[in-house]
Amino acid sequence: MGFIYAFKLKDSQEYRYIGKTINLKHRYIAHKNSSERGENLPIYRWIRSKGLSNIEMIVLEESEDKKLQDLEKLWIAKIKDRGDRLLNLTEGGEGTTGYRHTEIQKRRWSEERKGSITGDKNPNYGKFGPDHPAYGRKLSEEAKQKLSEARMGEGNPNYGKSVSEETRVKMSLAQKGRPRPRSARSAHVRYHINLKGFSERCNYCTEENND
């Protein structure tokens, strides 16, 4: 058996989200975790803005698993028709698979999210070591390869951008005199002790001169 459920504020009769599940407890926990991770679907932003303690999950209908997809569509259509401001992104059934947001919607969400999860507003702000949700996780080689490929070409945030001549000069001056081989310490010895002597731009030279 499965369930059609809804989220709403405890002091309101307006439904804000309709979903389906075969395990209410697990689905509730999944929504909670996604919200706390800072995921940016409308339902999770709404949960964060209202506070989970002010929201309740209610069962609208119980049915056989195979009927859940059609029932979810019917409930979403019904609740929309009565005027409730549902946060669902699709008409139901198969979730968000294959769904694409419009460019206008993307820009609007981008503007709304600016500064919303930075600094102490980020749910993981101040969490280090075992307290951080990503602690101990390691990416597989396959995942690393996919991330690398995603950042190639137009996927690179600097794709198509060019550095001004003024910036190039500043970068050059900032790097001048700094050892650049694999080992900065060995470069310091090789260039600034054996060949050129003291350099004010070399951190190692400066440290040794102050000792």
N, C-alpha and C. Protein backbone atom coordinates (compact mmCIF):
# COMPACT_ATOMS: atom_id res chain seq x y z
N MET A 1 0.84 -1.21 0.00
CA MET A 1 0.00 0.00 0.00
C MET A 1 0.87 1.25 0.00
N GLY A 2 0.30 2.33 -0.54
CA GLY A 2 1.00 3.59 -0.57
C GLY A 2 0.09 4.73 -0.16
N PHE A 3 0.65 5.94 -0.20
CA PHE A 3 -0.09 7.09 0.31
C PHE A 3 0.09 8.30 -0.60
N ILE A 4 -0.96 9.10 -0.70
CA ILE A 4 -0.87 10.44 -1.25
C ILE A 4 -0.89 11.38 -0.05
N TYR A 5 0.12 12.23 0.04
CA TYR A 5 0.24 13.09 1.22
C TYR A 5 0.33 14.56 0.81
N ALA A 6 0.18 15.41 1.79
CA ALA A 6 0.28 16.85 1.54
C ALA A 6 1.04 17.52 2.68
N PHE A 7 1.71 18.63 2.34
CA PHE A 7 2.33 19.48 3.35
C PHE A 7 1.51 20.76 3.45
N LYS A 8 1.31 21.24 4.67
CA LYS A 8 0.64 22.50 4.88
C LYS A 8 1.09 23.09 6.21
N LEU A 9 0.88 24.39 6.39
CA LEU A 9 1.15 25.00 7.68
C LEU A 9 0.10 24.52 8.68
N LYS A 10 0.50 24.36 9.91
CA LYS A 10 -0.41 23.84 10.93
C LYS A 10 -1.62 24.74 11.15
N ASP A 11 -1.44 26.04 10.96
CA ASP A 11 -2.55 26.96 11.21
C ASP A 11 -3.25 27.39 9.92
N SER A 12 -3.07 26.60 8.85
CA SER A 12 -3.68 26.94 7.56
C SER A 12 -4.34 25.70 6.94
N GLN A 13 -5.36 25.94 6.12
CA GLN A 13 -6.02 24.86 5.40
C GLN A 13 -5.51 24.74 3.97
N GLU A 14 -4.56 25.61 3.59
CA GLU A 14 -4.03 25.60 2.23
C GLU A 14 -2.92 24.56 2.10
N TYR A 15 -3.06 23.66 1.16
CA TYR A 15 -2.00 22.70 0.87
C TYR A 15 -0.93 23.36 0.01
N ARG A 16 0.33 23.11 0.33
CA ARG A 16 1.43 23.71 -0.42
C ARG A 16 2.22 22.69 -1.23
N TYR A 17 2.04 21.42 -0.96
CA TYR A 17 2.78 20.40 -1.71
C TYR A 17 2.03 19.08 -1.63
N ILE A 18 1.94 18.38 -2.78
CA ILE A 18 1.32 17.05 -2.85
C ILE A 18 2.37 16.06 -3.29
N GLY A 19 2.42 14.90 -2.64
CA GLY A 19 3.40 13.88 -3.02
C GLY A 19 2.84 12.48 -2.83
N LYS A 20 3.63 11.52 -3.24
CA LYS A 20 3.25 10.11 -3.08
C LYS A 20 4.39 9.35 -2.45
N THR A 21 4.08 8.29 -1.71
CA THR A 21 5.13 7.49 -1.07
C THR A 21 4.54 6.17 -0.61
N ILE A 22 5.42 5.19 -0.39
CA ILE A 22 4.98 3.93 0.20
C ILE A 22 5.43 3.85 1.66
N ASN A 23 6.17 4.87 2.09
CA ASN A 23 6.64 4.91 3.48
C ASN A 23 6.64 6.35 3.96
N LEU A 24 5.64 6.72 4.73
CA LEU A 24 5.48 8.11 5.15
C LEU A 24 6.65 8.60 5.99
N LYS A 25 7.12 7.78 6.92
CA LYS A 25 8.21 8.18 7.80
C LYS A 25 9.47 8.46 7.02
N HIS A 26 9.83 7.55 6.12
CA HIS A 26 11.04 7.73 5.32
C HIS A 26 10.92 8.96 4.41
N ARG A 27 9.73 9.18 3.84
CA ARG A 27 9.56 10.32 2.94
C ARG A 27 9.66 11.63 3.71
N TYR A 28 9.10 11.66 4.91
CA TYR A 28 9.18 12.86 5.74
C TYR A 28 10.65 13.19 6.08
N ILE A 29 11.40 12.15 6.45
CA ILE A 29 12.81 12.34 6.78
C ILE A 29 13.59 12.81 5.56
N ALA A 30 13.24 12.27 4.37
CA ALA A 30 13.93 12.68 3.13
C ALA A 30 13.69 14.16 2.85
N HIS A 31 12.45 14.63 3.04
CA HIS A 31 12.14 16.05 2.85
C HIS A 31 12.93 16.89 3.86
N LYS A 32 12.96 16.44 5.09
CA LYS A 32 13.67 17.16 6.15
C LYS A 32 15.15 17.29 5.82
N ASN A 33 15.78 16.17 5.42
CA ASN A 33 17.21 16.17 5.12
C ASN A 33 17.53 17.05 3.91
N SER A 34 16.69 16.97 2.88
CA SER A 34 16.92 17.79 1.69
C SER A 34 16.82 19.26 2.01
N SER A 35 15.89 19.61 2.87
CA SER A 35 15.74 21.00 3.28
C SER A 35 16.96 21.47 4.06
N GLU A 36 17.43 20.65 5.00
CA GLU A 36 18.58 21.02 5.83
C GLU A 36 19.87 21.09 5.03
N ARG A 37 19.96 20.33 3.94
CA ARG A 37 21.15 20.37 3.09
C ARG A 37 21.19 21.64 2.23
N GLY A 38 20.09 22.37 2.23
CA GLY A 38 20.06 23.61 1.46
C GLY A 38 19.64 23.43 0.01
N GLU A 39 18.99 22.30 -0.31
CA GLU A 39 18.53 22.10 -1.69
C GLU A 39 17.51 23.18 -2.04
N ASN A 40 17.51 23.58 -3.32
CA ASN A 40 16.79 24.78 -3.70
C ASN A 40 15.51 24.58 -4.48
N LEU A 41 14.91 23.42 -4.39
CA LEU A 41 13.58 23.27 -4.96
C LEU A 41 12.60 24.11 -4.14
N PRO A 42 11.54 24.60 -4.74
CA PRO A 42 10.59 25.46 -4.01
C PRO A 42 10.09 24.87 -2.70
N ILE A 43 9.81 23.57 -2.65
CA ILE A 43 9.29 22.95 -1.43
C ILE A 43 10.30 23.05 -0.29
N TYR A 44 11.59 22.90 -0.61
CA TYR A 44 12.61 22.92 0.45
C TYR A 44 12.89 24.34 0.91
N ARG A 45 12.82 25.31 0.00
CA ARG A 45 12.97 26.70 0.42
C ARG A 45 11.79 27.11 1.31
N TRP A 46 10.61 26.61 0.97
CA TRP A 46 9.42 26.92 1.77
C TRP A 46 9.54 26.32 3.17
N ILE A 47 10.01 25.08 3.26
CA ILE A 47 10.18 24.42 4.56
C ILE A 47 11.17 25.20 5.42
N ARG A 48 12.28 25.63 4.80
CA ARG A 48 13.28 26.39 5.56
C ARG A 48 12.72 27.73 6.02
N SER A 49 11.94 28.38 5.17
CA SER A 49 11.44 29.71 5.50
C SER A 49 10.38 29.66 6.61
N LYS A 50 9.60 28.59 6.65
CA LYS A 50 8.52 28.48 7.63
C LYS A 50 8.95 27.74 8.90
N GLY A 51 9.95 26.86 8.76
CA GLY A 51 10.37 26.06 9.91
C GLY A 51 9.58 24.78 9.98
N LEU A 52 10.26 23.66 10.04
CA LEU A 52 9.60 22.35 9.99
C LEU A 52 8.62 22.16 11.15
N SER A 53 8.88 22.79 12.28
CA SER A 53 7.99 22.63 13.43
C SER A 53 6.63 23.27 13.20
N ASN A 54 6.53 24.16 12.19
CA ASN A 54 5.26 24.83 11.89
C ASN A 54 4.51 24.17 10.74
N ILE A 55 5.06 23.07 10.25
CA ILE A 55 4.50 22.40 9.08
C ILE A 55 4.04 20.99 9.46
N GLU A 56 2.96 20.54 8.86
CA GLU A 56 2.50 19.18 9.11
C GLU A 56 2.30 18.42 7.81
N MET A 57 2.51 17.13 7.88
CA MET A 57 2.35 16.23 6.74
C MET A 57 1.08 15.40 7.00
N ILE A 58 0.11 15.50 6.10
CA ILE A 58 -1.14 14.77 6.31
C ILE A 58 -1.39 13.80 5.16
N VAL A 59 -2.09 12.72 5.44
CA VAL A 59 -2.43 11.72 4.42
C VAL A 59 -3.75 12.11 3.77
N LEU A 60 -3.74 12.21 2.45
CA LEU A 60 -4.95 12.54 1.70
C LEU A 60 -5.68 11.29 1.24
N GLU A 61 -4.90 10.27 0.91
CA GLU A 61 -5.53 9.04 0.42
C GLU A 61 -4.55 7.87 0.52
N GLU A 62 -5.08 6.71 0.79
CA GLU A 62 -4.29 5.49 0.84
C GLU A 62 -4.74 4.58 -0.30
N SER A 63 -3.78 3.99 -1.00
CA SER A 63 -4.15 3.20 -2.17
C SER A 63 -3.07 2.18 -2.50
N GLU A 64 -3.35 1.34 -3.50
CA GLU A 64 -2.37 0.38 -3.99
C GLU A 64 -1.23 1.14 -4.69
N ASP A 65 -0.03 0.56 -4.60
CA ASP A 65 1.16 1.22 -5.18
C ASP A 65 0.96 1.60 -6.64
N LYS A 66 0.37 0.69 -7.41
CA LYS A 66 0.27 0.91 -8.85
C LYS A 66 -0.67 2.05 -9.23
N LYS A 67 -1.50 2.49 -8.29
CA LYS A 67 -2.43 3.58 -8.56
C LYS A 67 -1.91 4.95 -8.12
N LEU A 68 -0.76 4.95 -7.43
CA LEU A 68 -0.27 6.20 -6.83
C LEU A 68 0.03 7.29 -7.85
N GLN A 69 0.63 6.91 -8.99
CA GLN A 69 1.00 7.92 -9.98
C GLN A 69 -0.22 8.67 -10.50
N ASP A 70 -1.27 7.92 -10.85
CA ASP A 70 -2.48 8.56 -11.37
C ASP A 70 -3.18 9.36 -10.27
N LEU A 71 -3.18 8.85 -9.05
CA LEU A 71 -3.83 9.55 -7.95
C LEU A 71 -3.12 10.86 -7.63
N GLU A 72 -1.79 10.85 -7.71
CA GLU A 72 -1.04 12.06 -7.44
C GLU A 72 -1.42 13.15 -8.44
N LYS A 73 -1.54 12.78 -9.71
CA LYS A 73 -1.94 13.74 -10.74
C LYS A 73 -3.32 14.30 -10.45
N LEU A 74 -4.25 13.42 -10.07
CA LEU A 74 -5.62 13.85 -9.79
C LEU A 74 -5.67 14.83 -8.61
N TRP A 75 -4.91 14.51 -7.56
CA TRP A 75 -4.92 15.36 -6.37
C TRP A 75 -4.28 16.72 -6.66
N ILE A 76 -3.19 16.72 -7.42
CA ILE A 76 -2.54 17.99 -7.76
C ILE A 76 -3.49 18.87 -8.57
N ALA A 77 -4.15 18.27 -9.56
CA ALA A 77 -5.10 19.03 -10.39
C ALA A 77 -6.26 19.55 -9.54
N LYS A 78 -6.76 18.71 -8.63
CA LYS A 78 -7.89 19.09 -7.78
C LYS A 78 -7.53 20.27 -6.86
N ILE A 79 -6.35 20.17 -6.23
CA ILE A 79 -5.94 21.22 -5.28
C ILE A 79 -5.60 22.51 -6.01
N LYS A 80 -5.03 22.41 -7.20
CA LYS A 80 -4.76 23.62 -7.99
C LYS A 80 -6.06 24.30 -8.40
N ASP A 81 -7.05 23.49 -8.76
CA ASP A 81 -8.34 24.05 -9.19
C ASP A 81 -9.02 24.83 -8.08
N ARG A 82 -8.80 24.43 -6.85
CA ARG A 82 -9.46 25.15 -5.75
C ARG A 82 -8.65 26.39 -5.33
N GLY A 83 -7.47 26.59 -5.97
CA GLY A 83 -6.73 27.82 -5.75
C GLY A 83 -5.55 27.75 -4.81
N ASP A 84 -5.21 26.56 -4.30
CA ASP A 84 -4.06 26.44 -3.40
C ASP A 84 -2.77 26.67 -4.18
N ARG A 85 -1.82 27.34 -3.55
CA ARG A 85 -0.56 27.68 -4.22
C ARG A 85 0.45 26.54 -4.07
N LEU A 86 0.25 25.50 -4.84
CA LEU A 86 1.12 24.33 -4.75
C LEU A 86 2.53 24.66 -5.23
N LEU A 87 3.51 24.04 -4.57
CA LEU A 87 4.92 24.23 -4.92
C LEU A 87 5.44 23.11 -5.82
N ASN A 88 4.58 22.18 -6.19
CA ASN A 88 4.99 21.10 -7.10
C ASN A 88 5.43 21.69 -8.44
N LEU A 89 6.48 21.14 -9.00
CA LEU A 89 7.00 21.64 -10.28
C LEU A 89 6.39 20.94 -11.48
N THR A 90 5.72 19.81 -11.27
CA THR A 90 5.12 19.08 -12.37
C THR A 90 3.66 18.78 -12.05
N GLU A 91 3.00 18.13 -12.98
CA GLU A 91 1.60 17.76 -12.77
C GLU A 91 1.47 16.45 -12.01
N GLY A 92 2.63 15.89 -11.57
CA GLY A 92 2.59 14.66 -10.78
C GLY A 92 2.85 13.43 -11.61
N GLY A 93 2.87 12.29 -10.95
CA GLY A 93 3.07 11.01 -11.64
C GLY A 93 4.50 10.54 -11.59
N GLU A 94 5.38 11.19 -12.36
CA GLU A 94 6.76 10.71 -12.47
C GLU A 94 7.77 11.65 -11.82
N GLY A 95 7.32 12.57 -11.01
CA GLY A 95 8.26 13.48 -10.36
C GLY A 95 8.82 14.48 -11.35
N THR A 96 10.05 14.93 -11.13
CA THR A 96 10.65 15.98 -11.97
C THR A 96 11.52 15.43 -13.09
N THR A 97 11.51 14.11 -13.30
CA THR A 97 12.34 13.52 -14.35
C THR A 97 12.00 14.12 -15.71
N GLY A 98 13.01 14.66 -16.38
CA GLY A 98 12.81 15.23 -17.70
C GLY A 98 12.26 16.64 -17.72
N TYR A 99 11.94 17.16 -16.55
CA TYR A 99 11.37 18.52 -16.48
C TYR A 99 12.47 19.56 -16.62
N ARG A 100 12.20 20.62 -17.38
CA ARG A 100 13.17 21.69 -17.55
C ARG A 100 12.53 23.03 -17.19
N HIS A 101 13.23 23.79 -16.37
CA HIS A 101 12.73 25.11 -15.99
C HIS A 101 12.98 26.10 -17.12
N THR A 102 12.10 27.09 -17.22
CA THR A 102 12.31 28.14 -18.22
C THR A 102 13.44 29.05 -17.77
N GLU A 103 14.04 29.76 -18.72
CA GLU A 103 15.12 30.68 -18.38
C GLU A 103 14.63 31.80 -17.47
N ILE A 104 13.39 32.24 -17.67
CA ILE A 104 12.82 33.28 -16.82
C ILE A 104 12.73 32.79 -15.38
N GLN A 105 12.27 31.53 -15.22
CA GLN A 105 12.14 30.96 -13.88
C GLN A 105 13.50 30.81 -13.22
N LYS A 106 14.49 30.38 -14.00
CA LYS A 106 15.85 30.22 -13.46
C LYS A 106 16.40 31.54 -12.96
N ARG A 107 16.21 32.60 -13.76
CA ARG A 107 16.73 33.91 -13.36
C ARG A 107 16.02 34.43 -12.11
N ARG A 108 14.69 34.20 -12.04
CA ARG A 108 13.94 34.66 -10.87
C ARG A 108 14.42 33.96 -9.62
N TRP A 109 14.61 32.64 -9.68
CA TRP A 109 15.10 31.89 -8.52
C TRP A 109 16.51 32.30 -8.14
N SER A 110 17.34 32.59 -9.16
CA SER A 110 18.70 33.02 -8.89
C SER A 110 18.70 34.32 -8.09
N GLU A 111 17.83 35.26 -8.48
CA GLU A 111 17.73 36.53 -7.77
C GLU A 111 17.22 36.33 -6.35
N GLU A 112 16.23 35.43 -6.20
CA GLU A 112 15.65 35.18 -4.89
C GLU A 112 16.65 34.53 -3.94
N ARG A 113 17.56 33.71 -4.50
CA ARG A 113 18.49 32.95 -3.66
C ARG A 113 19.75 33.72 -3.29
N LYS A 114 19.99 34.86 -3.94
CA LYS A 114 21.23 35.60 -3.68
C LYS A 114 21.36 35.91 -2.19
N GLY A 115 22.46 35.43 -1.61
CA GLY A 115 22.72 35.70 -0.20
C GLY A 115 21.91 34.88 0.77
N SER A 116 21.03 33.97 0.25
CA SER A 116 20.13 33.24 1.14
C SER A 116 20.81 32.06 1.83
N ILE A 117 21.90 31.54 1.27
CA ILE A 117 22.56 30.40 1.90
C ILE A 117 24.06 30.65 2.05
N THR A 118 24.41 31.91 2.27
CA THR A 118 25.82 32.25 2.48
C THR A 118 26.05 32.56 3.95
N GLY A 119 27.31 32.41 4.39
CA GLY A 119 27.65 32.73 5.78
C GLY A 119 26.84 31.91 6.77
N ASP A 120 26.37 32.55 7.84
CA ASP A 120 25.65 31.81 8.87
C ASP A 120 24.27 31.38 8.45
N LYS A 121 23.83 31.76 7.23
CA LYS A 121 22.55 31.29 6.71
C LYS A 121 22.67 29.91 6.08
N ASN A 122 23.91 29.49 5.81
CA ASN A 122 24.13 28.16 5.26
C ASN A 122 23.94 27.12 6.36
N PRO A 123 23.13 26.06 6.11
CA PRO A 123 22.88 25.06 7.15
C PRO A 123 24.14 24.36 7.64
N ASN A 124 25.24 24.41 6.88
CA ASN A 124 26.48 23.76 7.30
C ASN A 124 27.52 24.77 7.80
N TYR A 125 27.10 26.02 8.01
CA TYR A 125 28.02 27.05 8.48
C TYR A 125 28.59 26.67 9.85
N GLY A 126 29.92 26.75 9.96
CA GLY A 126 30.57 26.47 11.24
C GLY A 126 30.75 25.00 11.55
N LYS A 127 30.36 24.12 10.62
CA LYS A 127 30.50 22.68 10.85
C LYS A 127 31.82 22.20 10.25
N PHE A 128 32.63 21.52 11.08
CA PHE A 128 33.91 21.02 10.61
C PHE A 128 34.08 19.57 11.07
N GLY A 129 35.02 18.88 10.41
CA GLY A 129 35.32 17.50 10.82
C GLY A 129 34.09 16.61 10.81
N PRO A 130 33.93 15.77 11.80
CA PRO A 130 32.80 14.83 11.85
C PRO A 130 31.44 15.51 11.85
N ASP A 131 31.38 16.79 12.21
CA ASP A 131 30.10 17.49 12.25
C ASP A 131 29.60 17.86 10.85
N HIS A 132 30.51 17.89 9.87
CA HIS A 132 30.12 18.26 8.52
C HIS A 132 29.53 17.05 7.80
N PRO A 133 28.38 17.21 7.09
CA PRO A 133 27.74 16.07 6.43
C PRO A 133 28.60 15.38 5.37
N ALA A 134 29.61 16.10 4.84
CA ALA A 134 30.47 15.50 3.81
C ALA A 134 31.73 14.86 4.40
N TYR A 135 31.84 14.88 5.73
CA TYR A 135 33.05 14.33 6.37
C TYR A 135 33.20 12.83 6.06
N GLY A 136 34.40 12.45 5.63
CA GLY A 136 34.67 11.04 5.37
C GLY A 136 34.23 10.54 4.01
N ARG A 137 33.52 11.38 3.26
CA ARG A 137 33.05 10.95 1.94
C ARG A 137 34.18 11.08 0.92
N LYS A 138 34.23 10.13 0.01
CA LYS A 138 35.23 10.17 -1.05
C LYS A 138 34.55 9.92 -2.39
N LEU A 139 34.89 10.74 -3.35
CA LEU A 139 34.31 10.58 -4.68
C LEU A 139 34.96 9.40 -5.40
N SER A 140 34.16 8.65 -6.11
CA SER A 140 34.70 7.56 -6.92
C SER A 140 35.44 8.16 -8.11
N GLU A 141 36.29 7.38 -8.75
CA GLU A 141 37.02 7.86 -9.92
C GLU A 141 36.05 8.23 -11.03
N GLU A 142 34.96 7.48 -11.12
CA GLU A 142 33.95 7.77 -12.14
C GLU A 142 33.30 9.13 -11.89
N ALA A 143 32.99 9.42 -10.61
CA ALA A 143 32.38 10.70 -10.26
C ALA A 143 33.35 11.85 -10.52
N LYS A 144 34.64 11.63 -10.19
CA LYS A 144 35.64 12.66 -10.43
C LYS A 144 35.75 12.97 -11.93
N GLN A 145 35.70 11.92 -12.74
CA GLN A 145 35.79 12.09 -14.18
C GLN A 145 34.60 12.88 -14.72
N LYS A 146 33.40 12.58 -14.19
CA LYS A 146 32.19 13.28 -14.63
C LYS A 146 32.25 14.76 -14.25
N LEU A 147 32.73 15.04 -13.04
CA LEU A 147 32.86 16.43 -12.60
C LEU A 147 33.87 17.19 -13.47
N SER A 148 34.97 16.49 -13.81
CA SER A 148 35.99 17.10 -14.64
C SER A 148 35.44 17.42 -16.02
N GLU A 149 34.70 16.49 -16.60
CA GLU A 149 34.13 16.69 -17.94
C GLU A 149 33.07 17.80 -17.93
N ALA A 150 32.34 17.90 -16.80
CA ALA A 150 31.29 18.93 -16.70
C ALA A 150 31.86 20.34 -16.69
N ARG A 151 33.14 20.44 -16.30
CA ARG A 151 33.77 21.76 -16.21
C ARG A 151 34.62 22.09 -17.42
N MET A 152 34.55 21.25 -18.45
CA MET A 152 35.31 21.51 -19.66
C MET A 152 34.49 22.36 -20.62
N GLY A 153 35.17 23.09 -21.48
CA GLY A 153 34.48 23.89 -22.49
C GLY A 153 33.52 24.89 -21.88
N GLU A 154 32.28 24.91 -22.35
CA GLU A 154 31.29 25.87 -21.88
C GLU A 154 30.88 25.61 -20.44
N GLY A 155 31.21 24.44 -19.91
CA GLY A 155 30.90 24.14 -18.51
C GLY A 155 31.84 24.82 -17.54
N ASN A 156 32.95 25.33 -18.04
CA ASN A 156 33.90 26.04 -17.20
C ASN A 156 33.38 27.46 -16.93
N PRO A 157 33.31 27.89 -15.65
CA PRO A 157 32.78 29.22 -15.36
C PRO A 157 33.58 30.35 -16.00
N ASN A 158 34.83 30.08 -16.39
CA ASN A 158 35.66 31.11 -17.03
C ASN A 158 35.71 30.96 -18.55
N TYR A 159 34.85 30.07 -19.08
CA TYR A 159 34.84 29.83 -20.53
C TYR A 159 34.50 31.12 -21.28
N GLY A 160 35.35 31.47 -22.23
CA GLY A 160 35.09 32.65 -23.05
C GLY A 160 35.51 33.96 -22.43
N LYS A 161 35.94 33.93 -21.18
CA LYS A 161 36.35 35.16 -20.52
C LYS A 161 37.83 35.42 -20.78
N SER A 162 38.19 36.67 -20.90
CA SER A 162 39.59 37.02 -21.13
C SER A 162 40.04 37.98 -20.04
N VAL A 163 41.30 37.84 -19.65
CA VAL A 163 41.86 38.69 -18.59
C VAL A 163 42.39 39.97 -19.20
N SER A 164 42.07 41.11 -18.58
CA SER A 164 42.54 42.40 -19.11
C SER A 164 44.05 42.50 -18.94
N GLU A 165 44.66 43.38 -19.72
CA GLU A 165 46.10 43.58 -19.65
C GLU A 165 46.51 44.09 -18.27
N GLU A 166 45.67 44.94 -17.69
CA GLU A 166 45.95 45.47 -16.35
C GLU A 166 46.00 44.34 -15.32
N THR A 167 45.04 43.42 -15.42
CA THR A 167 45.01 42.29 -14.49
C THR A 167 46.21 41.39 -14.69
N ARG A 168 46.62 41.19 -15.95
CA ARG A 168 47.80 40.37 -16.24
C ARG A 168 49.05 40.96 -15.59
N VAL A 169 49.19 42.27 -15.67
CA VAL A 169 50.36 42.94 -15.07
C VAL A 169 50.34 42.74 -13.55
N LYS A 170 49.18 42.92 -12.94
CA LYS A 170 49.07 42.75 -11.50
C LYS A 170 49.41 41.32 -11.08
N MET A 171 48.93 40.34 -11.84
CA MET A 171 49.21 38.95 -11.54
C MET A 171 50.70 38.65 -11.68
N SER A 172 51.31 39.23 -12.70
CA SER A 172 52.73 39.01 -12.94
C SER A 172 53.57 39.59 -11.80
N LEU A 173 53.22 40.81 -11.38
CA LEU A 173 53.96 41.46 -10.29
C LEU A 173 53.80 40.69 -8.98
N ALA A 174 52.60 40.15 -8.77
CA ALA A 174 52.33 39.43 -7.53
C ALA A 174 53.12 38.12 -7.45
N GLN A 175 53.42 37.53 -8.63
CA GLN A 175 54.13 36.26 -8.66
C GLN A 175 55.64 36.41 -8.82
N LYS A 176 56.08 37.60 -9.13
CA LYS A 176 57.50 37.80 -9.41
C LYS A 176 58.34 37.50 -8.17
N GLY A 177 59.37 36.70 -8.37
CA GLY A 177 60.28 36.36 -7.28
C GLY A 177 59.85 35.16 -6.46
N ARG A 178 58.67 34.63 -6.73
CA ARG A 178 58.21 33.47 -5.98
C ARG A 178 58.66 32.18 -6.65
N PRO A 179 59.23 31.26 -5.89
CA PRO A 179 59.64 29.97 -6.47
C PRO A 179 58.44 29.25 -7.07
N ARG A 180 58.58 28.65 -8.26
CA ARG A 180 57.45 28.04 -8.92
C ARG A 180 57.57 26.56 -9.24
N PRO A 181 58.70 25.86 -8.95
CA PRO A 181 58.71 24.43 -9.25
C PRO A 181 57.83 23.66 -8.27
N ARG A 182 57.89 22.33 -8.34
CA ARG A 182 57.00 21.52 -7.51
C ARG A 182 57.21 21.80 -6.02
N SER A 183 58.44 21.95 -5.60
CA SER A 183 58.71 22.23 -4.20
C SER A 183 59.15 23.68 -4.05
N ALA A 184 58.32 24.48 -3.36
CA ALA A 184 58.66 25.89 -3.16
C ALA A 184 59.91 26.03 -2.33
N ARG A 185 60.10 25.15 -1.36
CA ARG A 185 61.28 25.22 -0.51
C ARG A 185 62.56 24.94 -1.31
N SER A 186 62.52 23.93 -2.18
CA SER A 186 63.71 23.62 -2.98
C SER A 186 64.00 24.75 -3.96
N ALA A 187 62.95 25.41 -4.46
CA ALA A 187 63.15 26.53 -5.37
C ALA A 187 63.80 27.69 -4.64
N HIS A 188 63.38 27.89 -3.41
CA HIS A 188 63.97 28.95 -2.59
C HIS A 188 65.48 28.72 -2.43
N VAL A 189 65.85 27.48 -2.14
CA VAL A 189 67.26 27.15 -1.98
C VAL A 189 68.00 27.32 -3.30
N ARG A 190 67.39 26.83 -4.37
CA ARG A 190 68.05 26.82 -5.67
C ARG A 190 68.28 28.22 -6.21
N TYR A 191 67.27 29.06 -6.14
CA TYR A 191 67.36 30.37 -6.77
C TYR A 191 67.83 31.48 -5.84
N HIS A 192 67.28 31.51 -4.63
CA HIS A 192 67.54 32.67 -3.79
C HIS A 192 68.71 32.50 -2.83
N ILE A 193 69.15 31.29 -2.64
CA ILE A 193 70.34 31.08 -1.80
C ILE A 193 71.55 30.79 -2.69
N ASN A 194 71.40 29.82 -3.61
CA ASN A 194 72.54 29.42 -4.43
C ASN A 194 72.85 30.41 -5.56
N LEU A 195 71.84 31.10 -6.08
CA LEU A 195 72.07 31.93 -7.27
C LEU A 195 71.88 33.43 -7.04
N LYS A 196 70.68 33.81 -6.62
CA LYS A 196 70.33 35.22 -6.62
C LYS A 196 70.41 35.91 -5.27
N GLY A 197 70.44 35.16 -4.21
CA GLY A 197 70.47 35.79 -2.91
C GLY A 197 69.08 36.19 -2.43
N PHE A 198 69.03 37.04 -1.41
CA PHE A 198 67.78 37.40 -0.75
C PHE A 198 66.78 38.09 -1.69
N SER A 199 65.50 37.70 -1.53
CA SER A 199 64.44 38.34 -2.30
C SER A 199 63.31 38.72 -1.35
N GLU A 200 62.88 39.98 -1.41
CA GLU A 200 61.81 40.43 -0.53
C GLU A 200 60.48 39.79 -0.89
N ARG A 201 60.36 39.29 -2.11
CA ARG A 201 59.11 38.67 -2.55
C ARG A 201 59.04 37.18 -2.25
N CYS A 202 60.09 36.62 -1.70
CA CYS A 202 60.10 35.19 -1.37
C CYS A 202 59.75 35.00 0.11
N ASN A 203 58.70 34.26 0.37
CA ASN A 203 58.28 34.05 1.76
C ASN A 203 59.36 33.38 2.58
N TYR A 204 60.07 32.42 1.98
CA TYR A 204 61.10 31.69 2.71
C TYR A 204 62.29 32.59 3.04
N CYS A 205 62.68 33.43 2.07
CA CYS A 205 63.76 34.36 2.31
C CYS A 205 63.39 35.32 3.45
N THR A 206 62.17 35.82 3.42
CA THR A 206 61.70 36.76 4.44
C THR A 206 61.70 36.11 5.82
N GLU A 207 61.20 34.87 5.89
CA GLU A 207 61.15 34.16 7.17
C GLU A 207 62.54 33.97 7.75
N GLU A 208 63.49 33.55 6.90
CA GLU A 208 64.84 33.29 7.38
C GLU A 208 65.54 34.58 7.80
N ASN A 209 65.22 35.68 7.08
CA ASN A 209 65.86 36.95 7.40
C ASN A 209 65.36 37.50 8.74
N ASN A 210 64.12 37.12 9.11
CA ASN A 210 63.56 37.61 10.36
C ASN A 210 63.95 36.75 11.57
N ASP A 211 64.50 35.57 11.33
CA ASP A 211 64.88 34.66 12.43
C ASP A 211 66.12 35.18 13.15
